[in-house]
PDB file of N, CA and C in Angstrom:
ATOM      1  N   MET A   1     -39.468   3.250  -5.470  1.00  0.00           N
ATOM      2  CA  MET A   1     -38.713   2.712  -6.572  1.00  0.00           C
ATOM      3  C   MET A   1     -38.205   3.861  -7.430  1.00  0.00           C
ATOM      4  N   MET A   2     -36.928   3.777  -7.828  1.00  0.00           N
ATOM      5  CA  MET A   2     -36.331   4.845  -8.614  1.00  0.00           C
ATOM      6  C   MET A   2     -36.292   4.438 -10.079  1.00  0.00           C
ATOM      7  N   PRO A   3     -36.544   5.380 -10.970  1.00  0.00           N
ATOM      8  CA  PRO A   3     -36.477   5.069 -12.394  1.00  0.00           C
ATOM      9  C   PRO A   3     -35.054   4.739 -12.821  1.00  0.00           C
ATOM     10  N   GLY A   4     -34.906   4.119 -13.993  1.00  0.00           N
ATOM     11  CA  GLY A   4     -33.606   3.689 -14.503  1.00  0.00           C
ATOM     12  C   GLY A   4     -32.640   4.823 -14.748  1.00  0.00           C
ATOM     13  N   LYS A   5     -33.131   5.982 -15.180  1.00  0.00           N
ATOM     14  CA  LYS A   5     -32.256   7.122 -15.460  1.00  0.00           C
ATOM     15  C   LYS A   5     -32.611   8.269 -14.537  1.00  0.00           C
ATOM     16  N   ILE A   6     -31.577   8.819 -13.924  1.00  0.00           N
ATOM     17  CA  ILE A   6     -31.782   9.957 -13.050  1.00  0.00           C
ATOM     18  C   ILE A   6     -31.014  11.123 -13.650  1.00  0.00           C
ATOM     19  N   ASN A   7     -31.651  12.243 -13.719  1.00  0.00           N
ATOM     20  CA  ASN A   7     -31.020  13.451 -14.219  1.00  0.00           C
ATOM     21  C   ASN A   7     -29.876  13.839 -13.272  1.00  0.00           C
ATOM     22  N   PRO A   8     -28.632  13.926 -13.768  1.00  0.00           N
ATOM     23  CA  PRO A   8     -27.499  14.266 -12.902  1.00  0.00           C
ATOM     24  C   PRO A   8     -27.676  15.588 -12.155  1.00  0.00           C
ATOM     25  N   LYS A   9     -28.283  16.578 -12.812  1.00  0.00           N
ATOM     26  CA  LYS A   9     -28.525  17.860 -12.142  1.00  0.00           C
ATOM     27  C   LYS A   9     -29.469  17.676 -10.959  1.00  0.00           C
ATOM     28  N   LYS A  10     -30.516  16.896 -11.199  1.00  0.00           N
ATOM     29  CA  LYS A  10     -31.514  16.630 -10.157  1.00  0.00           C
ATOM     30  C   LYS A  10     -30.862  15.875  -8.983  1.00  0.00           C
ATOM     31  N   MET A  11     -29.991  14.908  -9.321  1.00  0.00           N
ATOM     32  CA  MET A  11     -29.296  14.119  -8.293  1.00  0.00           C
ATOM     33  C   MET A  11     -28.414  15.031  -7.438  1.00  0.00           C
ATOM     34  N   LYS A  12     -27.677  15.933  -8.085  1.00  0.00           N
ATOM     35  CA  LYS A  12     -26.822  16.865  -7.347  1.00  0.00           C
ATOM     36  C   LYS A  12     -27.655  17.746  -6.421  1.00  0.00           C
ATOM     37  N   GLN A  13     -28.786  18.199  -6.937  1.00  0.00           N
ATOM     38  CA  GLN A  13     -29.670  19.051  -6.153  1.00  0.00           C
ATOM     39  C   GLN A  13     -30.200  18.299  -4.933  1.00  0.00           C
ATOM     40  N   MET A  14     -30.600  17.044  -5.133  1.00  0.00           N
ATOM     41  CA  MET A  14     -31.102  16.230  -4.017  1.00  0.00           C
ATOM     42  C   MET A  14     -30.003  16.002  -2.977  1.00  0.00           C
ATOM     43  N   MET A  15     -28.792  15.724  -3.448  1.00  0.00           N
ATOM     44  CA  MET A  15     -27.674  15.500  -2.521  1.00  0.00           C
ATOM     45  C   MET A  15     -27.387  16.761  -1.718  1.00  0.00           C
ATOM     46  N   LYS A  16     -27.424  17.906  -2.373  1.00  0.00           N
ATOM     47  CA  LYS A  16     -27.170  19.171  -1.685  1.00  0.00           C
ATOM     48  C   LYS A  16     -28.229  19.413  -0.610  1.00  0.00           C
ATOM     49  N   GLN A  17     -29.491  19.085  -0.906  1.00  0.00           N
ATOM     50  CA  GLN A  17     -30.568  19.240   0.066  1.00  0.00           C
ATOM     51  C   GLN A  17     -30.347  18.348   1.285  1.00  0.00           C
ATOM     52  N   MET A  18     -29.713  17.180   1.077  1.00  0.00           N
ATOM     53  CA  MET A  18     -29.425  16.255   2.185  1.00  0.00           C
ATOM     54  C   MET A  18     -28.120  16.616   2.905  1.00  0.00           C
ATOM     55  N   GLY A  19     -27.451  17.660   2.434  1.00  0.00           N
ATOM     56  CA  GLY A  19     -26.205  18.076   3.075  1.00  0.00           C
ATOM     57  C   GLY A  19     -24.982  17.310   2.584  1.00  0.00           C
ATOM     58  N   MET A  20     -25.110  16.698   1.405  1.00  0.00           N
ATOM     59  CA  MET A  20     -23.982  15.942   0.834  1.00  0.00           C
ATOM     60  C   MET A  20     -23.345  16.744  -0.292  1.00  0.00           C
ATOM     61  N   GLU A  21     -22.019  16.710  -0.319  1.00  0.00           N
ATOM     62  CA  GLU A  21     -21.295  17.330  -1.415  1.00  0.00           C
ATOM     63  C   GLU A  21     -20.284  16.322  -1.944  1.00  0.00           C
ATOM     64  N   MET A  22     -20.222  16.207  -3.274  1.00  0.00           N
ATOM     65  CA  MET A  22     -19.259  15.304  -3.905  1.00  0.00           C
ATOM     66  C   MET A  22     -18.365  16.123  -4.821  1.00  0.00           C
ATOM     67  N   GLU A  23     -17.083  15.807  -4.785  1.00  0.00           N
ATOM     68  CA  GLU A  23     -16.130  16.520  -5.631  1.00  0.00           C
ATOM     69  C   GLU A  23     -15.060  15.541  -6.091  1.00  0.00           C
ATOM     70  N   GLU A  24     -14.818  15.501  -7.400  1.00  0.00           N
ATOM     71  CA  GLU A  24     -13.734  14.663  -7.915  1.00  0.00           C
ATOM     72  C   GLU A  24     -12.430  15.436  -7.762  1.00  0.00           C
ATOM     73  N   ILE A  25     -11.425  14.773  -7.225  1.00  0.00           N
ATOM     74  CA  ILE A  25     -10.116  15.393  -7.053  1.00  0.00           C
ATOM     75  C   ILE A  25      -9.349  15.186  -8.360  1.00  0.00           C
ATOM     76  N   GLU A  26      -8.996  16.267  -8.994  1.00  0.00           N
ATOM     77  CA  GLU A  26      -8.353  16.218 -10.306  1.00  0.00           C
ATOM     78  C   GLU A  26      -6.835  16.059 -10.180  1.00  0.00           C
ATOM     79  N   GLY A  27      -6.234  15.446 -11.180  1.00  0.00           N
ATOM     80  CA  GLY A  27      -4.779  15.373 -11.281  1.00  0.00           C
ATOM     81  C   GLY A  27      -4.101  14.400 -10.337  1.00  0.00           C
ATOM     82  N   VAL A  28      -4.823  13.423  -9.834  1.00  0.00           N
ATOM     83  CA  VAL A  28      -4.218  12.442  -8.923  1.00  0.00           C
ATOM     84  C   VAL A  28      -3.268  11.553  -9.732  1.00  0.00           C
ATOM     85  N   GLU A  29      -2.014  11.506  -9.313  1.00  0.00           N
ATOM     86  CA  GLU A  29      -1.018  10.707 -10.016  1.00  0.00           C
ATOM     87  C   GLU A  29      -0.780   9.361  -9.347  1.00  0.00           C
ATOM     88  N   LYS A  30      -0.804   9.347  -8.017  1.00  0.00           N
ATOM     89  CA  LYS A  30      -0.516   8.106  -7.300  1.00  0.00           C
ATOM     90  C   LYS A  30      -1.089   8.181  -5.897  1.00  0.00           C
ATOM     91  N   ILE A  31      -1.603   7.040  -5.430  1.00  0.00           N
ATOM     92  CA  ILE A  31      -2.068   6.910  -4.047  1.00  0.00           C
ATOM     93  C   ILE A  31      -1.373   5.685  -3.476  1.00  0.00           C
ATOM     94  N   VAL A  32      -0.827   5.821  -2.263  1.00  0.00           N
ATOM     95  CA  VAL A  32      -0.154   4.700  -1.613  1.00  0.00           C
ATOM     96  C   VAL A  32      -0.792   4.481  -0.248  1.00  0.00           C
ATOM     97  N   ILE A  33      -1.193   3.232   0.001  1.00  0.00           N
ATOM     98  CA  ILE A  33      -1.714   2.846   1.310  1.00  0.00           C
ATOM     99  C   ILE A  33      -0.637   1.976   1.955  1.00  0.00           C
ATOM    100  N   TYR A  34      -0.073   2.460   3.046  1.00  0.00           N
ATOM    101  CA  TYR A  34       1.028   1.777   3.721  1.00  0.00           C
ATOM    102  C   TYR A  34       0.488   0.786   4.754  1.00  0.00           C
ATOM    103  N   THR A  35       1.001  -0.457   4.720  1.00  0.00           N
ATOM    104  CA  THR A  35       0.671  -1.463   5.725  1.00  0.00           C
ATOM    105  C   THR A  35       1.980  -2.120   6.165  1.00  0.00           C
ATOM    106  N   PRO A  36       2.006  -2.797   7.311  1.00  0.00           N
ATOM    107  CA  PRO A  36       3.237  -3.460   7.742  1.00  0.00           C
ATOM    108  C   PRO A  36       3.742  -4.517   6.743  1.00  0.00           C
ATOM    109  N   ALA A  37       2.835  -5.164   6.035  1.00  0.00           N
ATOM    110  CA  ALA A  37       3.234  -6.218   5.089  1.00  0.00           C
ATOM    111  C   ALA A  37       3.704  -5.654   3.761  1.00  0.00           C
ATOM    112  N   GLY A  38       3.311  -4.431   3.448  1.00  0.00           N
ATOM    113  CA  GLY A  38       3.691  -3.817   2.179  1.00  0.00           C
ATOM    114  C   GLY A  38       2.750  -2.687   1.839  1.00  0.00           C
ATOM    115  N   ASN A  39       2.868  -2.187   0.618  1.00  0.00           N
ATOM    116  CA  ASN A  39       2.097  -1.022   0.206  1.00  0.00           C
ATOM    117  C   ASN A  39       1.185  -1.343  -0.969  1.00  0.00           C
ATOM    118  N   TYR A  40      -0.021  -0.796  -0.918  1.00  0.00           N
ATOM    119  CA  TYR A  40      -0.949  -0.871  -2.041  1.00  0.00           C
ATOM    120  C   TYR A  40      -0.782   0.423  -2.818  1.00  0.00           C
ATOM    121  N   VAL A  41      -0.391   0.312  -4.082  1.00  0.00           N
ATOM    122  CA  VAL A  41      -0.117   1.488  -4.895  1.00  0.00           C
ATOM    123  C   VAL A  41      -1.145   1.576  -6.017  1.00  0.00           C
ATOM    124  N   PHE A  42      -1.812   2.719  -6.104  1.00  0.00           N
ATOM    125  CA  PHE A  42      -2.776   2.997  -7.163  1.00  0.00           C
ATOM    126  C   PHE A  42      -2.155   4.057  -8.067  1.00  0.00           C
ATOM    127  N   ASP A  43      -1.903   3.723  -9.332  1.00  0.00           N
ATOM    128  CA  ASP A  43      -1.434   4.697 -10.305  1.00  0.00           C
ATOM    129  C   ASP A  43      -2.637   5.187 -11.093  1.00  0.00           C
ATOM    130  N   ASP A  44      -2.672   6.451 -11.397  1.00  0.00           N
ATOM    131  CA  ASP A  44      -3.764   7.036 -12.188  1.00  0.00           C
ATOM    132  C   ASP A  44      -5.141   6.692 -11.636  1.00  0.00           C
ATOM    133  N   ALA A  45      -5.313   6.826 -10.347  1.00  0.00           N
ATOM    134  CA  ALA A  45      -6.592   6.514  -9.718  1.00  0.00           C
ATOM    135  C   ALA A  45      -7.544   7.703  -9.811  1.00  0.00           C
ATOM    136  N   GLN A  46      -8.822   7.396  -9.776  1.00  0.00           N
ATOM    137  CA  GLN A  46      -9.838   8.430  -9.681  1.00  0.00           C
ATOM    138  C   GLN A  46     -10.245   8.513  -8.218  1.00  0.00           C
ATOM    139  N   VAL A  47     -10.325   9.731  -7.689  1.00  0.00           N
ATOM    140  CA  VAL A  47     -10.678   9.926  -6.291  1.00  0.00           C
ATOM    141  C   VAL A  47     -11.855  10.893  -6.212  1.00  0.00           C
ATOM    142  N   VAL A  48     -12.876  10.473  -5.471  1.00  0.00           N
ATOM    143  CA  VAL A  48     -14.039  11.320  -5.248  1.00  0.00           C
ATOM    144  C   VAL A  48     -14.156  11.557  -3.744  1.00  0.00           C
ATOM    145  N   ALA A  49     -14.238  12.823  -3.359  1.00  0.00           N
ATOM    146  CA  ALA A  49     -14.409  13.189  -1.954  1.00  0.00           C
ATOM    147  C   ALA A  49     -15.881  13.485  -1.715  1.00  0.00           C
ATOM    148  N   THR A  50     -16.463  12.820  -0.737  1.00  0.00           N
ATOM    149  CA  THR A  50     -17.869  13.032  -0.380  1.00  0.00           C
ATOM    150  C   THR A  50     -17.915  13.570   1.041  1.00  0.00           C
ATOM    151  N   THR A  51     -18.536  14.739   1.207  1.00  0.00           N
ATOM    152  CA  THR A  51     -18.661  15.337   2.535  1.00  0.00           C
ATOM    153  C   THR A  51     -20.119  15.282   2.951  1.00  0.00           C
ATOM    154  N   MET A  52     -20.331  14.703   4.127  1.00  0.00           N
ATOM    155  CA  MET A  52     -21.697  14.584   4.658  1.00  0.00           C
ATOM    156  C   MET A  52     -21.632  14.754   6.167  1.00  0.00           C
ATOM    157  N   GLN A  53     -22.392  15.681   6.687  1.00  0.00           N
ATOM    158  CA  GLN A  53     -22.454  15.972   8.119  1.00  0.00           C
ATOM    159  C   GLN A  53     -21.063  16.234   8.695  1.00  0.00           C
ATOM    160  N   GLY A  54     -20.244  16.964   7.941  1.00  0.00           N
ATOM    161  CA  GLY A  54     -18.930  17.361   8.434  1.00  0.00           C
ATOM    162  C   GLY A  54     -17.843  16.309   8.299  1.00  0.00           C
ATOM    163  N   THR A  55     -18.168  15.141   7.794  1.00  0.00           N
ATOM    164  CA  THR A  55     -17.187  14.072   7.621  1.00  0.00           C
ATOM    165  C   THR A  55     -16.923  13.873   6.132  1.00  0.00           C
ATOM    166  N   THR A  56     -15.645  13.846   5.774  1.00  0.00           N
ATOM    167  CA  THR A  56     -15.276  13.635   4.378  1.00  0.00           C
ATOM    168  C   THR A  56     -14.788  12.209   4.193  1.00  0.00           C
ATOM    169  N   THR A  57     -15.352  11.544   3.184  1.00  0.00           N
ATOM    170  CA  THR A  57     -14.976  10.176   2.831  1.00  0.00           C
ATOM    171  C   THR A  57     -14.393  10.208   1.426  1.00  0.00           C
ATOM    172  N   TYR A  58     -13.314   9.441   1.227  1.00  0.00           N
ATOM    173  CA  TYR A  58     -12.664   9.394  -0.076  1.00  0.00           C
ATOM    174  C   TYR A  58     -12.880   8.026  -0.708  1.00  0.00           C
ATOM    175  N   GLN A  59     -13.303   8.033  -1.956  1.00  0.00           N
ATOM    176  CA  GLN A  59     -13.504   6.790  -2.706  1.00  0.00           C
ATOM    177  C   GLN A  59     -12.435   6.726  -3.788  1.00  0.00           C
ATOM    178  N   ILE A  60     -11.688   5.621  -3.804  1.00  0.00           N
ATOM    179  CA  ILE A  60     -10.615   5.416  -4.772  1.00  0.00           C
ATOM    180  C   ILE A  60     -11.089   4.397  -5.793  1.00  0.00           C
ATOM    181  N   THR A  61     -10.938   4.735  -7.070  1.00  0.00           N
ATOM    182  CA  THR A  61     -11.276   3.809  -8.140  1.00  0.00           C
ATOM    183  C   THR A  61     -10.043   3.625  -9.011  1.00  0.00           C
ATOM    184  N   GLY A  62      -9.628   2.385  -9.183  1.00  0.00           N
ATOM    185  CA  GLY A  62      -8.460   2.097 -10.006  1.00  0.00           C
ATOM    186  C   GLY A  62      -7.881   0.749  -9.655  1.00  0.00           C
ATOM    187  N   GLU A  63      -6.863   0.356 -10.382  1.00  0.00           N
ATOM    188  CA  GLU A  63      -6.184  -0.915 -10.149  1.00  0.00           C
ATOM    189  C   GLU A  63      -5.027  -0.708  -9.182  1.00  0.00           C
ATOM    190  N   ALA A  64      -4.961  -1.547  -8.158  1.00  0.00           N
ATOM    191  CA  ALA A  64      -3.869  -1.465  -7.188  1.00  0.00           C
ATOM    192  C   ALA A  64      -2.871  -2.576  -7.448  1.00  0.00           C
ATOM    193  N   ARG A  65      -1.606  -2.265  -7.187  1.00  0.00           N
ATOM    194  CA  ARG A  65      -0.575  -3.303  -7.194  1.00  0.00           C
ATOM    195  C   ARG A  65       0.009  -3.335  -5.786  1.00  0.00           C
ATOM    196  N   PHE A  66       0.450  -4.519  -5.376  1.00  0.00           N
ATOM    197  CA  PHE A  66       0.976  -4.682  -4.027  1.00  0.00           C
ATOM    198  C   PHE A  66       2.492  -4.739  -4.086  1.00  0.00           C
ATOM    199  N   GLU A  67       3.148  -3.884  -3.322  1.00  0.00           N
ATOM    200  CA  GLU A  67       4.599  -3.889  -3.214  1.00  0.00           C
ATOM    201  C   GLU A  67       4.957  -4.373  -1.806  1.00  0.00           C
ATOM    202  N   GLU A  68       5.560  -5.538  -1.756  1.00  0.00           N
ATOM    203  CA  GLU A  68       5.908  -6.127  -0.464  1.00  0.00           C
ATOM    204  C   GLU A  68       6.953  -5.272   0.250  1.00  0.00           C
ATOM    205  N   ALA A  69       6.795  -5.119   1.550  1.00  0.00           N
ATOM    206  CA  ALA A  69       7.729  -4.320   2.341  1.00  0.00           C
ATOM    207  C   ALA A  69       9.064  -5.034   2.465  1.00  0.00           C
ATOM    208  N   VAL A  70      10.129  -4.267   2.339  1.00  0.00           N
ATOM    209  CA  VAL A  70      11.470  -4.815   2.547  1.00  0.00           C
ATOM    210  C   VAL A  70      11.789  -4.628   4.029  1.00  0.00           C
ATOM    211  N   PRO A  71      12.105  -5.730   4.726  1.00  0.00           N
ATOM    212  CA  PRO A  71      12.364  -5.607   6.164  1.00  0.00           C
ATOM    213  C   PRO A  71      13.639  -4.815   6.438  1.00  0.00           C
ATOM    214  N   ASP A  72      13.642  -4.122   7.556  1.00  0.00           N
ATOM    215  CA  ASP A  72      14.831  -3.383   7.995  1.00  0.00           C
ATOM    216  C   ASP A  72      15.746  -4.381   8.695  1.00  0.00           C
ATOM    217  N   ILE A  73      16.910  -4.633   8.112  1.00  0.00           N
ATOM    218  CA  ILE A  73      17.837  -5.632   8.646  1.00  0.00           C
ATOM    219  C   ILE A  73      18.966  -4.917   9.400  1.00  0.00           C
ATOM    220  N   PRO A  74      19.090  -5.157  10.706  1.00  0.00           N
ATOM    221  CA  PRO A  74      20.171  -4.529  11.484  1.00  0.00           C
ATOM    222  C   PRO A  74      21.548  -5.051  11.040  1.00  0.00           C
ATOM    223  N   ASP A  75      22.538  -4.175  11.098  1.00  0.00           N
ATOM    224  CA  ASP A  75      23.904  -4.550  10.719  1.00  0.00           C
ATOM    225  C   ASP A  75      24.432  -5.701  11.568  1.00  0.00           C
ATOM    226  N   GLU A  76      24.000  -5.766  12.831  1.00  0.00           N
ATOM    227  CA  GLU A  76      24.452  -6.851  13.722  1.00  0.00           C
ATOM    228  C   GLU A  76      23.989  -8.210  13.200  1.00  0.00           C
ATOM    229  N   ASP A  77      22.758  -8.260  12.681  1.00  0.00           N
ATOM    230  CA  ASP A  77      22.229  -9.513  12.130  1.00  0.00           C
ATOM    231  C   ASP A  77      23.013  -9.933  10.892  1.00  0.00           C
ATOM    232  N   VAL A  78      23.354  -8.949  10.058  1.00  0.00           N
ATOM    233  CA  VAL A  78      24.140  -9.225   8.847  1.00  0.00           C
ATOM    234  C   VAL A  78      25.503  -9.787   9.237  1.00  0.00           C
ATOM    235  N   ALA A  79      26.158  -9.152  10.217  1.00  0.00           N
ATOM    236  CA  ALA A  79      27.485  -9.597  10.665  1.00  0.00           C
ATOM    237  C   ALA A  79      27.416 -11.013  11.245  1.00  0.00           C
ATOM    238  N   LEU A  80      26.381 -11.305  12.014  1.00  0.00           N
ATOM    239  CA  LEU A  80      26.222 -12.630  12.617  1.00  0.00           C
ATOM    240  C   LEU A  80      26.076 -13.697  11.538  1.00  0.00           C
ATOM    241  N   VAL A  81      25.187 -13.465  10.564  1.00  0.00           N
ATOM    242  CA  VAL A  81      24.960 -14.444   9.494  1.00  0.00           C
ATOM    243  C   VAL A  81      26.232 -14.620   8.669  1.00  0.00           C
ATOM    244  N   ALA A  82      26.918 -13.520   8.377  1.00  0.00           N
ATOM    245  CA  ALA A  82      28.161 -13.596   7.598  1.00  0.00           C
ATOM    246  C   ALA A  82      29.219 -14.399   8.346  1.00  0.00           C
ATOM    247  N   SER A  83      29.359 -14.174   9.650  1.00  0.00           N
ATOM    248  CA  SER A  83      30.391 -14.882  10.421  1.00  0.00           C
ATOM    249  C   SER A  83      30.061 -16.366  10.584  1.00  0.00           C
ATOM    250  N   GLN A  84      28.789 -16.697  10.680  1.00  0.00           N
ATOM    251  CA  GLN A  84      28.385 -18.090  10.873  1.00  0.00           C
ATOM    252  C   GLN A  84      28.457 -18.909   9.580  1.00  0.00           C
ATOM    253  N   THR A  85      28.363 -18.239   8.438  1.00  0.00           N
ATOM    254  CA  THR A  85      28.306 -18.963   7.164  1.00  0.00           C
ATOM    255  C   THR A  85      29.521 -18.748   6.272  1.00  0.00           C
ATOM    256  N   GLY A  86      30.322 -17.753   6.592  1.00  0.00           N
ATOM    257  CA  GLY A  86      31.467 -17.437   5.743  1.00  0.00           C
ATOM    258  C   GLY A  86      31.084 -16.648   4.506  1.00  0.00           C
ATOM    259  N   ALA A  87      29.849 -16.222   4.413  1.00  0.00           N
ATOM    260  CA  ALA A  87      29.385 -15.438   3.268  1.00  0.00           C
ATOM    261  C   ALA A  87      29.802 -13.979   3.445  1.00  0.00           C
ATOM    262  N   THR A  88      29.799 -13.249   2.346  1.00  0.00           N
ATOM    263  CA  THR A  88      30.075 -11.818   2.438  1.00  0.00           C
ATOM    264  C   THR A  88      28.883 -11.136   3.095  1.00  0.00           C
ATOM    265  N   GLU A  89      29.110  -9.924   3.590  1.00  0.00           N
ATOM    266  CA  GLU A  89      28.011  -9.191   4.227  1.00  0.00           C
ATOM    267  C   GLU A  89      26.910  -8.870   3.219  1.00  0.00           C
ATOM    268  N   GLU A  90      27.287  -8.636   1.975  1.00  0.00           N
ATOM    269  CA  GLU A  90      26.292  -8.346   0.930  1.00  0.00           C
ATOM    270  C   GLU A  90      25.376  -9.555   0.707  1.00  0.00           C
ATOM    271  N   VAL A  91      25.973 -10.749   0.616  1.00  0.00           N
ATOM    272  CA  VAL A  91      25.195 -11.972   0.428  1.00  0.00           C
ATOM    273  C   VAL A  91      24.347 -12.249   1.676  1.00  0.00           C
ATOM    274  N   ALA A  92      24.925 -12.017   2.853  1.00  0.00           N
ATOM    275  CA  ALA A  92      24.195 -12.238   4.105  1.00  0.00           C
ATOM    276  C   ALA A  92      22.976 -11.314   4.181  1.00  0.00           C
ATOM    277  N   ARG A  93      23.153 -10.045   3.805  1.00  0.00           N
ATOM    278  CA  ARG A  93      22.039  -9.087   3.841  1.00  0.00           C
ATOM    279  C   ARG A  93      20.946  -9.499   2.847  1.00  0.00           C
ATOM    280  N   THR A  94      21.350  -9.879   1.636  1.00  0.00           N
ATOM    281  CA  THR A  94      20.379 -10.303   0.622  1.00  0.00           C
ATOM    282  C   THR A  94      19.587 -11.509   1.106  1.00  0.00           C
ATOM    283  N   THR A  95      20.268 -12.459   1.713  1.00  0.00           N
ATOM    284  CA  THR A  95      19.596 -13.662   2.217  1.00  0.00           C
ATOM    285  C   THR A  95      18.665 -13.322   3.373  1.00  0.00           C
ATOM    286  N   LEU A  96      19.076 -12.416   4.239  1.00  0.00           N
ATOM    287  CA  LEU A  96      18.200 -11.992   5.334  1.00  0.00           C
ATOM    288  C   LEU A  96      16.946 -11.295   4.803  1.00  0.00           C
ATOM    289  N   ILE A  97      17.082 -10.518   3.746  1.00  0.00           N
ATOM    290  CA  ILE A  97      15.912  -9.874   3.138  1.00  0.00           C
ATOM    291  C   ILE A  97      14.988 -10.944   2.559  1.00  0.00           C
ATOM    292  N   GLU A  98      15.564 -11.943   1.876  1.00  0.00           N
ATOM    293  CA  GLU A  98      14.765 -13.029   1.292  1.00  0.00           C
ATOM    294  C   GLU A  98      14.017 -13.820   2.365  1.00  0.00           C
ATOM    295  N   THR A  99      14.655 -13.972   3.538  1.00  0.00           N
ATOM    296  CA  THR A  99      14.038 -14.743   4.625  1.00  0.00           C
ATOM    297  C   THR A  99      13.267 -13.842   5.598  1.00  0.00           C
ATOM    298  N   ARG A 100      13.031 -12.584   5.178  1.00  0.00           N
ATOM    299  CA  ARG A 100      12.267 -11.610   5.968  1.00  0.00           C
ATOM    300  C   ARG A 100      12.857 -11.396   7.359  1.00  0.00           C
ATOM    301  N   GLY A 101      14.210 -11.421   7.436  1.00  0.00           N
ATOM    302  CA  GLY A 101      14.894 -11.124   8.685  1.00  0.00           C
ATOM    303  C   GLY A 101      15.080 -12.307   9.617  1.00  0.00           C
ATOM    304  N   ASP A 102      14.713 -13.504   9.183  1.00  0.00           N
ATOM    305  CA  ASP A 102      14.846 -14.700  10.012  1.00  0.00           C
ATOM    306  C   ASP A 102      16.307 -15.163   9.974  1.00  0.00           C
ATOM    307  N   ILE A 103      17.033 -14.939  11.073  1.00  0.00           N
ATOM    308  CA  ILE A 103      18.469 -15.233  11.128  1.00  0.00           C
ATOM    309  C   ILE A 103      18.737 -16.725  10.962  1.00  0.00           C
ATOM    310  N   ALA A 104      17.994 -17.549  11.686  1.00  0.00           N
ATOM    311  CA  ALA A 104      18.216 -18.999  11.622  1.00  0.00           C
ATOM    312  C   ALA A 104      17.986 -19.527  10.209  1.00  0.00           C
ATOM    313  N   GLU A 105      16.924 -19.090   9.577  1.00  0.00           N
ATOM    314  CA  GLU A 105      16.620 -19.539   8.220  1.00  0.00           C
ATOM    315  C   GLU A 105      17.701 -19.076   7.235  1.00  0.00           C
ATOM    316  N   ALA A 106      18.192 -17.854   7.429  1.00  0.00           N
ATOM    317  CA  ALA A 106      19.243 -17.331   6.542  1.00  0.00           C
ATOM    318  C   ALA A 106      20.526 -18.146   6.693  1.00  0.00           C
ATOM    319  N   ILE A 107      20.880 -18.486   7.944  1.00  0.00           N
ATOM    320  CA  ILE A 107      22.092 -19.298   8.182  1.00  0.00           C
ATOM    321  C   ILE A 107      21.933 -20.678   7.551  1.00  0.00           C
ATOM    322  N   LEU A 108      20.773 -21.302   7.743  1.00  0.00           N
ATOM    323  CA  LEU A 108      20.523 -22.611   7.135  1.00  0.00           C
ATOM    324  C   LEU A 108      20.594 -22.542   5.610  1.00  0.00           C
ATOM    325  N   LYS A 109      19.996 -21.547   5.051  1.00  0.00           N
ATOM    326  CA  LYS A 109      19.971 -21.407   3.598  1.00  0.00           C
ATOM    327  C   LYS A 109      21.378 -21.235   3.040  1.00  0.00           C
ATOM    328  N   LEU A 110      22.199 -20.408   3.678  1.00  0.00           N
ATOM    329  CA  LEU A 110      23.560 -20.185   3.193  1.00  0.00           C
ATOM    330  C   LEU A 110      24.468 -21.394   3.484  1.00  0.00           C
ATOM    331  N   SER A 111      24.190 -22.110   4.542  1.00  0.00           N
ATOM    332  CA  SER A 111      25.007 -23.283   4.881  1.00  0.00           C
ATOM    333  C   SER A 111      24.767 -24.422   3.898  1.00  0.00           C
ATOM    334  N   GLN A 112      23.588 -24.468   3.290  1.00  0.00           N
ATOM    335  CA  GLN A 112      23.244 -25.537   2.350  1.00  0.00           C
ATOM    336  C   GLN A 112      23.763 -25.272   0.949  1.00  0.00           C
ATOM    337  N   GLN A 113      24.308 -24.106   0.712  1.00  0.00           N
ATOM    338  CA  GLN A 113      24.808 -23.772  -0.623  1.00  0.00           C
ATOM    339  C   GLN A 113      26.225 -24.267  -0.829  1.00  0.00           C
TER     340      GLN A 113
END
């Protein structure tokens, strides 16, 4: 059983004896984790690097916000939707982005307007 308060110096010494090293990375402005669905963005995060047995692990502390990925819309898809609906290419592209690249859904959506 460990007491409620541990001397930080003693803790560091014990970690060093076990082959663990911890270091806070200073000056971190932003961390981005990229995923196919979008990105997790941490602003002003605290990052601690822990090295143990030759492996470094990073711990991120902070609030993340999710930025949804904007799909890459091919020009051919934009032209097809525009020709089928009579919409401008700009409107067709915007609608394709809203429908996450689904051509049929974009055509239906523009046809109902």
